[in-house]
Amino acid sequence: MTEAIRRFFLELPGKLKEEDKGKHMTWSFWLTLAALSTMPALSALAIVLLIGLAKECWDFRFGSGFCMFDMAGNLIGIGAGQLAWQIGLLAMPA
C-alpha cells in the first residue's frame, strides 16, 4: 500500500499538467467560491467535494473510469477556492 501511495505522489505533478486535471481544479475552484457565498463553509466544501466524487462515480460507470488524479485536482481546486475566499474576507473593510 505504501508503494502505491508513494507512486501516486510521484506521478501527481506530471498528471496535474494534463488539461483534464486543470478543468477539475478550475471547476472546483469556482464551485467552491459560489458555494461559500451561499452557505456555511463546511457545507460548501462538502457539497463541492461530493459533486467531484459524483462526477468520478459517473465516469466509473459510463466514462473513462474513476481517477484518483482527478479527485486530487478537485481537492486542489477546493483548497484554492477556500484560500481565495479567506483572503477576500481579510481584504474586506470592517
PDB file of N, CA and C in Angstrom:
ATOM      1  N   MET A   1       0.814  -1.199   0.000  1.00  0.00           N
ATOM      2  CA  MET A   1       0.000   0.000   0.000  1.00  0.00           C
ATOM      3  C   MET A   1       0.852   1.256   0.000  1.00  0.00           C
ATOM      4  N   THR A   2       1.888   1.287   0.798  1.00  0.00           N
ATOM      5  CA  THR A   2       2.714   2.490   0.844  1.00  0.00           C
ATOM      6  C   THR A   2       3.427   2.730  -0.481  1.00  0.00           C
ATOM      7  N   GLU A   3       3.749   1.685  -1.219  1.00  0.00           N
ATOM      8  CA  GLU A   3       4.376   1.857  -2.531  1.00  0.00           C
ATOM      9  C   GLU A   3       3.400   2.511  -3.495  1.00  0.00           C
ATOM     10  N   ALA A   4       2.147   2.139  -3.432  1.00  0.00           N
ATOM     11  CA  ALA A   4       1.134   2.746  -4.298  1.00  0.00           C
ATOM     12  C   ALA A   4       0.952   4.228  -3.963  1.00  0.00           C
ATOM     13  N   ILE A   5       0.963   4.546  -2.695  1.00  0.00           N
ATOM     14  CA  ILE A   5       0.822   5.949  -2.275  1.00  0.00           C
ATOM     15  C   ILE A   5       2.039   6.751  -2.721  1.00  0.00           C
ATOM     16  N   ARG A   6       3.211   6.185  -2.549  1.00  0.00           N
ATOM     17  CA  ARG A   6       4.431   6.863  -2.978  1.00  0.00           C
ATOM     18  C   ARG A   6       4.405   7.108  -4.490  1.00  0.00           C
ATOM     19  N   ARG A   7       4.001   6.110  -5.242  1.00  0.00           N
ATOM     20  CA  ARG A   7       3.942   6.242  -6.702  1.00  0.00           C
ATOM     21  C   ARG A   7       2.915   7.296  -7.114  1.00  0.00           C
ATOM     22  N   PHE A   8       1.758   7.334  -6.395  1.00  0.00           N
ATOM     23  CA  PHE A   8       0.730   8.339  -6.671  1.00  0.00           C
ATOM     24  C   PHE A   8       1.308   9.747  -6.549  1.00  0.00           C
ATOM     25  N   PHE A   9       2.008  10.011  -5.444  1.00  0.00           N
ATOM     26  CA  PHE A   9       2.547  11.351  -5.222  1.00  0.00           C
ATOM     27  C   PHE A   9       3.717  11.671  -6.153  1.00  0.00           C
ATOM     28  N   LEU A  10       4.427  10.668  -6.592  1.00  0.00           N
ATOM     29  CA  LEU A  10       5.493  10.906  -7.577  1.00  0.00           C
ATOM     30  C   LEU A  10       4.916  11.249  -8.949  1.00  0.00           C
ATOM     31  N   GLU A  11       3.791  10.643  -9.304  1.00  0.00           N
ATOM     32  CA  GLU A  11       3.161  10.890 -10.600  1.00  0.00           C
ATOM     33  C   GLU A  11       2.295  12.146 -10.606  1.00  0.00           C
ATOM     34  N   LEU A  12       1.854  12.588  -9.450  1.00  0.00           N
ATOM     35  CA  LEU A  12       0.897  13.689  -9.340  1.00  0.00           C
ATOM     36  C   LEU A  12       1.331  14.970 -10.061  1.00  0.00           C
ATOM     37  N   PRO A  13       2.552  15.478  -9.887  1.00  0.00           N
ATOM     38  CA  PRO A  13       2.906  16.737 -10.565  1.00  0.00           C
ATOM     39  C   PRO A  13       2.750  16.662 -12.086  1.00  0.00           C
ATOM     40  N   GLY A  14       3.151  15.561 -12.678  1.00  0.00           N
ATOM     41  CA  GLY A  14       3.007  15.415 -14.122  1.00  0.00           C
ATOM     42  C   GLY A  14       1.555  15.307 -14.540  1.00  0.00           C
ATOM     43  N   LYS A  15       0.768  14.570 -13.777  1.00  0.00           N
ATOM     44  CA  LYS A  15      -0.654  14.397 -14.096  1.00  0.00           C
ATOM     45  C   LYS A  15      -1.418  15.712 -13.997  1.00  0.00           C
ATOM     46  N   LEU A  16      -1.041  16.560 -13.032  1.00  0.00           N
ATOM     47  CA  LEU A  16      -1.759  17.823 -12.847  1.00  0.00           C
ATOM     48  C   LEU A  16      -1.550  18.788 -14.005  1.00  0.00           C
ATOM     49  N   LYS A  17      -0.600  18.510 -14.866  1.00  0.00           N
ATOM     50  CA  LYS A  17      -0.373  19.348 -16.053  1.00  0.00           C
ATOM     51  C   LYS A  17      -1.322  18.991 -17.181  1.00  0.00           C
ATOM     52  N   GLU A  18      -2.036  17.877 -17.068  1.00  0.00           N
ATOM     53  CA  GLU A  18      -2.974  17.463 -18.104  1.00  0.00           C
ATOM     54  C   GLU A  18      -4.184  18.392 -18.121  1.00  0.00           C
ATOM     55  N   GLU A  19      -4.730  18.616 -19.327  1.00  0.00           N
ATOM     56  CA  GLU A  19      -5.851  19.537 -19.499  1.00  0.00           C
ATOM     57  C   GLU A  19      -7.046  19.146 -18.622  1.00  0.00           C
ATOM     58  N   ASP A  20      -7.355  17.862 -18.567  1.00  0.00           N
ATOM     59  CA  ASP A  20      -8.500  17.398 -17.783  1.00  0.00           C
ATOM     60  C   ASP A  20      -8.346  17.732 -16.304  1.00  0.00           C
ATOM     61  N   LYS A  21      -7.142  17.563 -15.778  1.00  0.00           N
ATOM     62  CA  LYS A  21      -6.925  17.862 -14.354  1.00  0.00           C
ATOM     63  C   LYS A  21      -7.079  19.356 -14.101  1.00  0.00           C
ATOM     64  N   GLY A  22      -6.640  20.167 -15.061  1.00  0.00           N
ATOM     65  CA  GLY A  22      -6.829  21.616 -14.962  1.00  0.00           C
ATOM     66  C   GLY A  22      -8.298  21.986 -14.903  1.00  0.00           C
ATOM     67  N   LYS A  23      -9.111  21.269 -15.672  1.00  0.00           N
ATOM     68  CA  LYS A  23     -10.554  21.522 -15.638  1.00  0.00           C
ATOM     69  C   LYS A  23     -11.133  21.159 -14.275  1.00  0.00           C
ATOM     70  N   HIS A  24     -10.673  20.051 -13.709  1.00  0.00           N
ATOM     71  CA  HIS A  24     -11.145  19.669 -12.375  1.00  0.00           C
ATOM     72  C   HIS A  24     -10.776  20.740 -11.350  1.00  0.00           C
ATOM     73  N   MET A  25      -9.554  21.236 -11.415  1.00  0.00           N
ATOM     74  CA  MET A  25      -9.132  22.276 -10.474  1.00  0.00           C
ATOM     75  C   MET A  25      -9.936  23.556 -10.679  1.00  0.00           C
ATOM     76  N   THR A  26     -10.122  23.958 -11.928  1.00  0.00           N
ATOM     77  CA  THR A  26     -10.840  25.201 -12.233  1.00  0.00           C
ATOM     78  C   THR A  26     -12.302  25.127 -11.802  1.00  0.00           C
ATOM     79  N   TRP A  27     -12.985  24.053 -12.200  1.00  0.00           N
ATOM     80  CA  TRP A  27     -14.390  23.919 -11.816  1.00  0.00           C
ATOM     81  C   TRP A  27     -14.554  23.849 -10.307  1.00  0.00           C
ATOM     82  N   SER A  28     -13.697  23.108  -9.638  1.00  0.00           N
ATOM     83  CA  SER A  28     -13.798  23.002  -8.178  1.00  0.00           C
ATOM     84  C   SER A  28     -13.538  24.346  -7.511  1.00  0.00           C
ATOM     85  N   PHE A  29     -12.588  25.100  -8.048  1.00  0.00           N
ATOM     86  CA  PHE A  29     -12.289  26.434  -7.520  1.00  0.00           C
ATOM     87  C   PHE A  29     -13.532  27.320  -7.578  1.00  0.00           C
ATOM     88  N   TRP A  30     -14.136  27.429  -8.764  1.00  0.00           N
ATOM     89  CA  TRP A  30     -15.286  28.329  -8.934  1.00  0.00           C
ATOM     90  C   TRP A  30     -16.527  27.816  -8.214  1.00  0.00           C
ATOM     91  N   LEU A  31     -16.742  26.509  -8.214  1.00  0.00           N
ATOM     92  CA  LEU A  31     -17.869  25.959  -7.452  1.00  0.00           C
ATOM     93  C   LEU A  31     -17.704  26.224  -5.958  1.00  0.00           C
ATOM     94  N   THR A  32     -16.476  26.149  -5.474  1.00  0.00           N
ATOM     95  CA  THR A  32     -16.217  26.431  -4.061  1.00  0.00           C
ATOM     96  C   THR A  32     -16.543  27.882  -3.730  1.00  0.00           C
ATOM     97  N   LEU A  33     -16.089  28.797  -4.575  1.00  0.00           N
ATOM     98  CA  LEU A  33     -16.400  30.212  -4.321  1.00  0.00           C
ATOM     99  C   LEU A  33     -17.905  30.466  -4.352  1.00  0.00           C
ATOM    100  N   ALA A  34     -18.594  29.854  -5.315  1.00  0.00           N
ATOM    101  CA  ALA A  34     -20.050  30.032  -5.396  1.00  0.00           C
ATOM    102  C   ALA A  34     -20.733  29.450  -4.164  1.00  0.00           C
ATOM    103  N   ALA A  35     -20.315  28.270  -3.760  1.00  0.00           N
ATOM    104  CA  ALA A  35     -20.930  27.631  -2.595  1.00  0.00           C
ATOM    105  C   ALA A  35     -20.655  28.412  -1.313  1.00  0.00           C
ATOM    106  N   LEU A  36     -19.432  28.904  -1.169  1.00  0.00           N
ATOM    107  CA  LEU A  36     -19.091  29.665   0.036  1.00  0.00           C
ATOM    108  C   LEU A  36     -19.876  30.964   0.130  1.00  0.00           C
ATOM    109  N   SER A  37     -20.315  31.480  -1.004  1.00  0.00           N
ATOM    110  CA  SER A  37     -21.075  32.734  -0.979  1.00  0.00           C
ATOM    111  C   SER A  37     -22.536  32.507  -0.587  1.00  0.00           C
ATOM    112  N   THR A  38     -22.949  31.229  -0.519  1.00  0.00           N
ATOM    113  CA  THR A  38     -24.359  30.970  -0.236  1.00  0.00           C
ATOM    114  C   THR A  38     -24.616  30.107   0.992  1.00  0.00           C
ATOM    115  N   MET A  39     -23.566  29.509   1.575  1.00  0.00           N
ATOM    116  CA  MET A  39     -23.796  28.601   2.706  1.00  0.00           C
ATOM    117  C   MET A  39     -22.575  28.554   3.611  1.00  0.00           C
ATOM    118  N   PRO A  40     -22.719  27.969   4.794  1.00  0.00           N
ATOM    119  CA  PRO A  40     -21.573  27.845   5.708  1.00  0.00           C
ATOM    120  C   PRO A  40     -20.429  27.048   5.058  1.00  0.00           C
ATOM    121  N   ALA A  41     -19.215  27.339   5.489  1.00  0.00           N
ATOM    122  CA  ALA A  41     -18.017  26.774   4.865  1.00  0.00           C
ATOM    123  C   ALA A  41     -18.017  25.251   4.844  1.00  0.00           C
ATOM    124  N   LEU A  42     -18.317  24.615   5.940  1.00  0.00           N
ATOM    125  CA  LEU A  42     -18.262  23.149   5.987  1.00  0.00           C
ATOM    126  C   LEU A  42     -19.234  22.532   4.988  1.00  0.00           C
ATOM    127  N   SER A  43     -20.436  23.071   4.916  1.00  0.00           N
ATOM    128  CA  SER A  43     -21.428  22.580   3.955  1.00  0.00           C
ATOM    129  C   SER A  43     -20.965  22.825   2.527  1.00  0.00           C
ATOM    130  N   ALA A  44     -20.439  24.016   2.279  1.00  0.00           N
ATOM    131  CA  ALA A  44     -19.987  24.367   0.932  1.00  0.00           C
ATOM    132  C   ALA A  44     -18.880  23.437   0.464  1.00  0.00           C
ATOM    133  N   LEU A  45     -17.890  23.211   1.313  1.00  0.00           N
ATOM    134  CA  LEU A  45     -16.768  22.360   0.926  1.00  0.00           C
ATOM    135  C   LEU A  45     -17.209  20.921   0.733  1.00  0.00           C
ATOM    136  N   ALA A  46     -18.100  20.446   1.591  1.00  0.00           N
ATOM    137  CA  ALA A  46     -18.601  19.075   1.471  1.00  0.00           C
ATOM    138  C   ALA A  46     -19.389  18.892   0.181  1.00  0.00           C
ATOM    139  N   ILE A  47     -20.218  19.857  -0.165  1.00  0.00           N
ATOM    140  CA  ILE A  47     -21.028  19.753  -1.379  1.00  0.00           C
ATOM    141  C   ILE A  47     -20.144  19.734  -2.620  1.00  0.00           C
ATOM    142  N   VAL A  48     -19.162  20.612  -2.681  1.00  0.00           N
ATOM    143  CA  VAL A  48     -18.276  20.634  -3.845  1.00  0.00           C
ATOM    144  C   VAL A  48     -17.483  19.341  -3.934  1.00  0.00           C
ATOM    145  N   LEU A  49     -17.029  18.830  -2.814  1.00  0.00           N
ATOM    146  CA  LEU A  49     -16.316  17.548  -2.817  1.00  0.00           C
ATOM    147  C   LEU A  49     -17.232  16.425  -3.318  1.00  0.00           C
ATOM    148  N   LEU A  50     -18.480  16.426  -2.875  1.00  0.00           N
ATOM    149  CA  LEU A  50     -19.427  15.402  -3.314  1.00  0.00           C
ATOM    150  C   LEU A  50     -19.761  15.531  -4.798  1.00  0.00           C
ATOM    151  N   ILE A  51     -19.799  16.753  -5.317  1.00  0.00           N
ATOM    152  CA  ILE A  51     -20.016  16.943  -6.754  1.00  0.00           C
ATOM    153  C   ILE A  51     -18.866  16.305  -7.539  1.00  0.00           C
ATOM    154  N   GLY A  52     -17.645  16.550  -7.102  1.00  0.00           N
ATOM    155  CA  GLY A  52     -16.486  15.952  -7.765  1.00  0.00           C
ATOM    156  C   GLY A  52     -16.498  14.436  -7.664  1.00  0.00           C
ATOM    157  N   LEU A  53     -16.875  13.912  -6.497  1.00  0.00           N
ATOM    158  CA  LEU A  53     -16.954  12.471  -6.312  1.00  0.00           C
ATOM    159  C   LEU A  53     -18.042  11.869  -7.203  1.00  0.00           C
ATOM    160  N   ALA A  54     -19.177  12.557  -7.285  1.00  0.00           N
ATOM    161  CA  ALA A  54     -20.260  12.082  -8.152  1.00  0.00           C
ATOM    162  C   ALA A  54     -19.812  12.040  -9.610  1.00  0.00           C
ATOM    163  N   LYS A  55     -19.057  13.038 -10.033  1.00  0.00           N
ATOM    164  CA  LYS A  55     -18.533  13.054 -11.406  1.00  0.00           C
ATOM    165  C   LYS A  55     -17.636  11.850 -11.646  1.00  0.00           C
ATOM    166  N   GLU A  56     -16.778  11.533 -10.694  1.00  0.00           N
ATOM    167  CA  GLU A  56     -15.883  10.379 -10.848  1.00  0.00           C
ATOM    168  C   GLU A  56     -16.650   9.059 -10.811  1.00  0.00           C
ATOM    169  N   CYS A  57     -17.696   8.987 -10.009  1.00  0.00           N
ATOM    170  CA  CYS A  57     -18.532   7.781  -9.999  1.00  0.00           C
ATOM    171  C   CYS A  57     -19.248   7.627 -11.343  1.00  0.00           C
ATOM    172  N   TRP A  58     -19.694   8.730 -11.907  1.00  0.00           N
ATOM    173  CA  TRP A  58     -20.296   8.709 -13.252  1.00  0.00           C
ATOM    174  C   TRP A  58     -19.272   8.208 -14.272  1.00  0.00           C
ATOM    175  N   ASP A  59     -18.077   8.728 -14.197  1.00  0.00           N
ATOM    176  CA  ASP A  59     -17.019   8.280 -15.113  1.00  0.00           C
ATOM    177  C   ASP A  59     -16.715   6.788 -14.921  1.00  0.00           C
ATOM    178  N   PHE A  60     -16.765   6.320 -13.692  1.00  0.00           N
ATOM    179  CA  PHE A  60     -16.523   4.908 -13.415  1.00  0.00           C
ATOM    180  C   PHE A  60     -17.567   4.039 -14.111  1.00  0.00           C
ATOM    181  N   ARG A  61     -18.814   4.501 -14.074  1.00  0.00           N
ATOM    182  CA  ARG A  61     -19.915   3.711 -14.646  1.00  0.00           C
ATOM    183  C   ARG A  61     -20.054   3.892 -16.145  1.00  0.00           C
ATOM    184  N   PHE A  62     -19.895   5.130 -16.634  1.00  0.00           N
ATOM    185  CA  PHE A  62     -20.218   5.423 -18.032  1.00  0.00           C
ATOM    186  C   PHE A  62     -19.067   6.001 -18.842  1.00  0.00           C
ATOM    187  N   GLY A  63     -17.980   6.375 -18.202  1.00  0.00           N
ATOM    188  CA  GLY A  63     -16.919   7.091 -18.911  1.00  0.00           C
ATOM    189  C   GLY A  63     -15.598   6.362 -18.902  1.00  0.00           C
ATOM    190  N   SER A  64     -14.566   7.115 -18.663  1.00  0.00           N
ATOM    191  CA  SER A  64     -13.193   6.613 -18.768  1.00  0.00           C
ATOM    192  C   SER A  64     -12.705   5.912 -17.499  1.00  0.00           C
ATOM    193  N   GLY A  65     -13.508   5.895 -16.453  1.00  0.00           N
ATOM    194  CA  GLY A  65     -13.120   5.245 -15.208  1.00  0.00           C
ATOM    195  C   GLY A  65     -12.837   6.247 -14.101  1.00  0.00           C
ATOM    196  N   PHE A  66     -12.881   5.768 -12.883  1.00  0.00           N
ATOM    197  CA  PHE A  66     -12.605   6.594 -11.706  1.00  0.00           C
ATOM    198  C   PHE A  66     -11.121   6.940 -11.696  1.00  0.00           C
ATOM    199  N   CYS A  67     -10.805   8.203 -11.434  1.00  0.00           N
ATOM    200  CA  CYS A  67      -9.406   8.642 -11.462  1.00  0.00           C
ATOM    201  C   CYS A  67      -9.066   9.393 -10.172  1.00  0.00           C
ATOM    202  N   MET A  68      -8.146   8.828  -9.416  1.00  0.00           N
ATOM    203  CA  MET A  68      -7.710   9.492  -8.184  1.00  0.00           C
ATOM    204  C   MET A  68      -6.996  10.807  -8.482  1.00  0.00           C
ATOM    205  N   PHE A  69      -6.371  10.912  -9.651  1.00  0.00           N
ATOM    206  CA  PHE A  69      -5.709  12.167 -10.008  1.00  0.00           C
ATOM    207  C   PHE A  69      -6.753  13.264 -10.263  1.00  0.00           C
ATOM    208  N   ASP A  70      -7.910  12.896 -10.822  1.00  0.00           N
ATOM    209  CA  ASP A  70      -9.000  13.860 -10.972  1.00  0.00           C
ATOM    210  C   ASP A  70      -9.482  14.321  -9.601  1.00  0.00           C
ATOM    211  N   MET A  71      -9.602  13.378  -8.657  1.00  0.00           N
ATOM    212  CA  MET A  71     -10.027  13.748  -7.310  1.00  0.00           C
ATOM    213  C   MET A  71      -8.987  14.646  -6.646  1.00  0.00           C
ATOM    214  N   ALA A  72      -7.717  14.392  -6.899  1.00  0.00           N
ATOM    215  CA  ALA A  72      -6.669  15.272  -6.366  1.00  0.00           C
ATOM    216  C   ALA A  72      -6.829  16.672  -6.950  1.00  0.00           C
ATOM    217  N   GLY A  73      -7.135  16.759  -8.245  1.00  0.00           N
ATOM    218  CA  GLY A  73      -7.392  18.060  -8.866  1.00  0.00           C
ATOM    219  C   GLY A  73      -8.573  18.756  -8.218  1.00  0.00           C
ATOM    220  N   ASN A  74      -9.624  17.995  -7.925  1.00  0.00           N
ATOM    221  CA  ASN A  74     -10.783  18.570  -7.236  1.00  0.00           C
ATOM    222  C   ASN A  74     -10.383  19.136  -5.869  1.00  0.00           C
ATOM    223  N   LEU A  75      -9.609  18.366  -5.121  1.00  0.00           N
ATOM    224  CA  LEU A  75      -9.186  18.817  -3.789  1.00  0.00           C
ATOM    225  C   LEU A  75      -8.310  20.062  -3.864  1.00  0.00           C
ATOM    226  N   ILE A  76      -7.438  20.127  -4.848  1.00  0.00           N
ATOM    227  CA  ILE A  76      -6.592  21.312  -5.018  1.00  0.00           C
ATOM    228  C   ILE A  76      -7.455  22.522  -5.349  1.00  0.00           C
ATOM    229  N   GLY A  77      -8.428  22.345  -6.237  1.00  0.00           N
ATOM    230  CA  GLY A  77      -9.332  23.447  -6.584  1.00  0.00           C
ATOM    231  C   GLY A  77     -10.148  23.910  -5.394  1.00  0.00           C
ATOM    232  N   ILE A  78     -10.633  22.962  -4.605  1.00  0.00           N
ATOM    233  CA  ILE A  78     -11.401  23.302  -3.403  1.00  0.00           C
ATOM    234  C   ILE A  78     -10.519  24.068  -2.416  1.00  0.00           C
ATOM    235  N   GLY A  79      -9.303  23.587  -2.212  1.00  0.00           N
ATOM    236  CA  GLY A  79      -8.385  24.276  -1.302  1.00  0.00           C
ATOM    237  C   GLY A  79      -8.049  25.679  -1.777  1.00  0.00           C
ATOM    238  N   ALA A  80      -7.819  25.819  -3.074  1.00  0.00           N
ATOM    239  CA  ALA A  80      -7.515  27.145  -3.629  1.00  0.00           C
ATOM    240  C   ALA A  80      -8.722  28.072  -3.510  1.00  0.00           C
ATOM    241  N   GLY A  81      -9.912  27.533  -3.728  1.00  0.00           N
ATOM    242  CA  GLY A  81     -11.124  28.343  -3.584  1.00  0.00           C
ATOM    243  C   GLY A  81     -11.326  28.801  -2.152  1.00  0.00           C
ATOM    244  N   GLN A  82     -11.106  27.892  -1.216  1.00  0.00           N
ATOM    245  CA  GLN A  82     -11.218  28.246   0.208  1.00  0.00           C
ATOM    246  C   GLN A  82     -10.192  29.311   0.579  1.00  0.00           C
ATOM    247  N   LEU A  83      -8.970  29.156   0.094  1.00  0.00           N
ATOM    248  CA  LEU A  83      -7.920  30.136   0.380  1.00  0.00           C
ATOM    249  C   LEU A  83      -8.270  31.495  -0.225  1.00  0.00           C
ATOM    250  N   ALA A  84      -8.739  31.497  -1.473  1.00  0.00           N
ATOM    251  CA  ALA A  84      -9.127  32.760  -2.116  1.00  0.00           C
ATOM    252  C   ALA A  84     -10.272  33.423  -1.353  1.00  0.00           C
ATOM    253  N   TRP A  85     -11.218  32.625  -0.888  1.00  0.00           N
ATOM    254  CA  TRP A  85     -12.343  33.154  -0.113  1.00  0.00           C
ATOM    255  C   TRP A  85     -11.843  33.793   1.180  1.00  0.00           C
ATOM    256  N   GLN A  86     -10.945  33.115   1.869  1.00  0.00           N
ATOM    257  CA  GLN A  86     -10.409  33.642   3.124  1.00  0.00           C
ATOM    258  C   GLN A  86      -9.611  34.924   2.894  1.00  0.00           C
ATOM    259  N   ILE A  87      -8.798  34.951   1.854  1.00  0.00           N
ATOM    260  CA  ILE A  87      -8.027  36.153   1.537  1.00  0.00           C
ATOM    261  C   ILE A  87      -8.973  37.306   1.215  1.00  0.00           C
ATOM    262  N   GLY A  88     -10.034  36.993   0.467  1.00  0.00           N
ATOM    263  CA  GLY A  88     -11.024  38.019   0.131  1.00  0.00           C
ATOM    264  C   GLY A  88     -11.700  38.569   1.356  1.00  0.00           C
ATOM    265  N   LEU A  89     -12.005  37.714   2.316  1.00  0.00           N
ATOM    266  CA  LEU A  89     -12.640  38.174   3.554  1.00  0.00           C
ATOM    267  C   LEU A  89     -11.705  39.055   4.362  1.00  0.00           C
ATOM    268  N   LEU A  90     -10.406  38.708   4.361  1.00  0.00           N
ATOM    269  CA  LEU A  90      -9.432  39.517   5.102  1.00  0.00           C
ATOM    270  C   LEU A  90      -9.255  40.880   4.465  1.00  0.00           C
ATOM    271  N   ALA A  91      -9.430  40.956   3.143  1.00  0.00           N
ATOM    272  CA  ALA A  91      -9.221  42.217   2.432  1.00  0.00           C
ATOM    273  C   ALA A  91     -10.419  43.156   2.542  1.00  0.00           C
ATOM    274  N   MET A  92     -11.561  42.632   3.003  1.00  0.00           N
ATOM    275  CA  MET A  92     -12.765  43.467   3.101  1.00  0.00           C
ATOM    276  C   MET A  92     -12.632  44.434   4.267  1.00  0.00           C
ATOM    277  N   PRO A  93     -13.069  45.680   4.039  1.00  0.00           N
ATOM    278  CA  PRO A  93     -13.041  46.630   5.160  1.00  0.00           C
ATOM    279  C   PRO A  93     -14.083  46.240   6.199  1.00  0.00           C
ATOM    280  N   ALA A  94     -13.770  46.510   7.441  1.00  0.00           N
ATOM    281  CA  ALA A  94     -14.678  46.121   8.543  1.00  0.00           C
ATOM    282  C   ALA A  94     -15.864  47.030   8.657  1.00  0.00           C
TER     283      ALA A  94
END
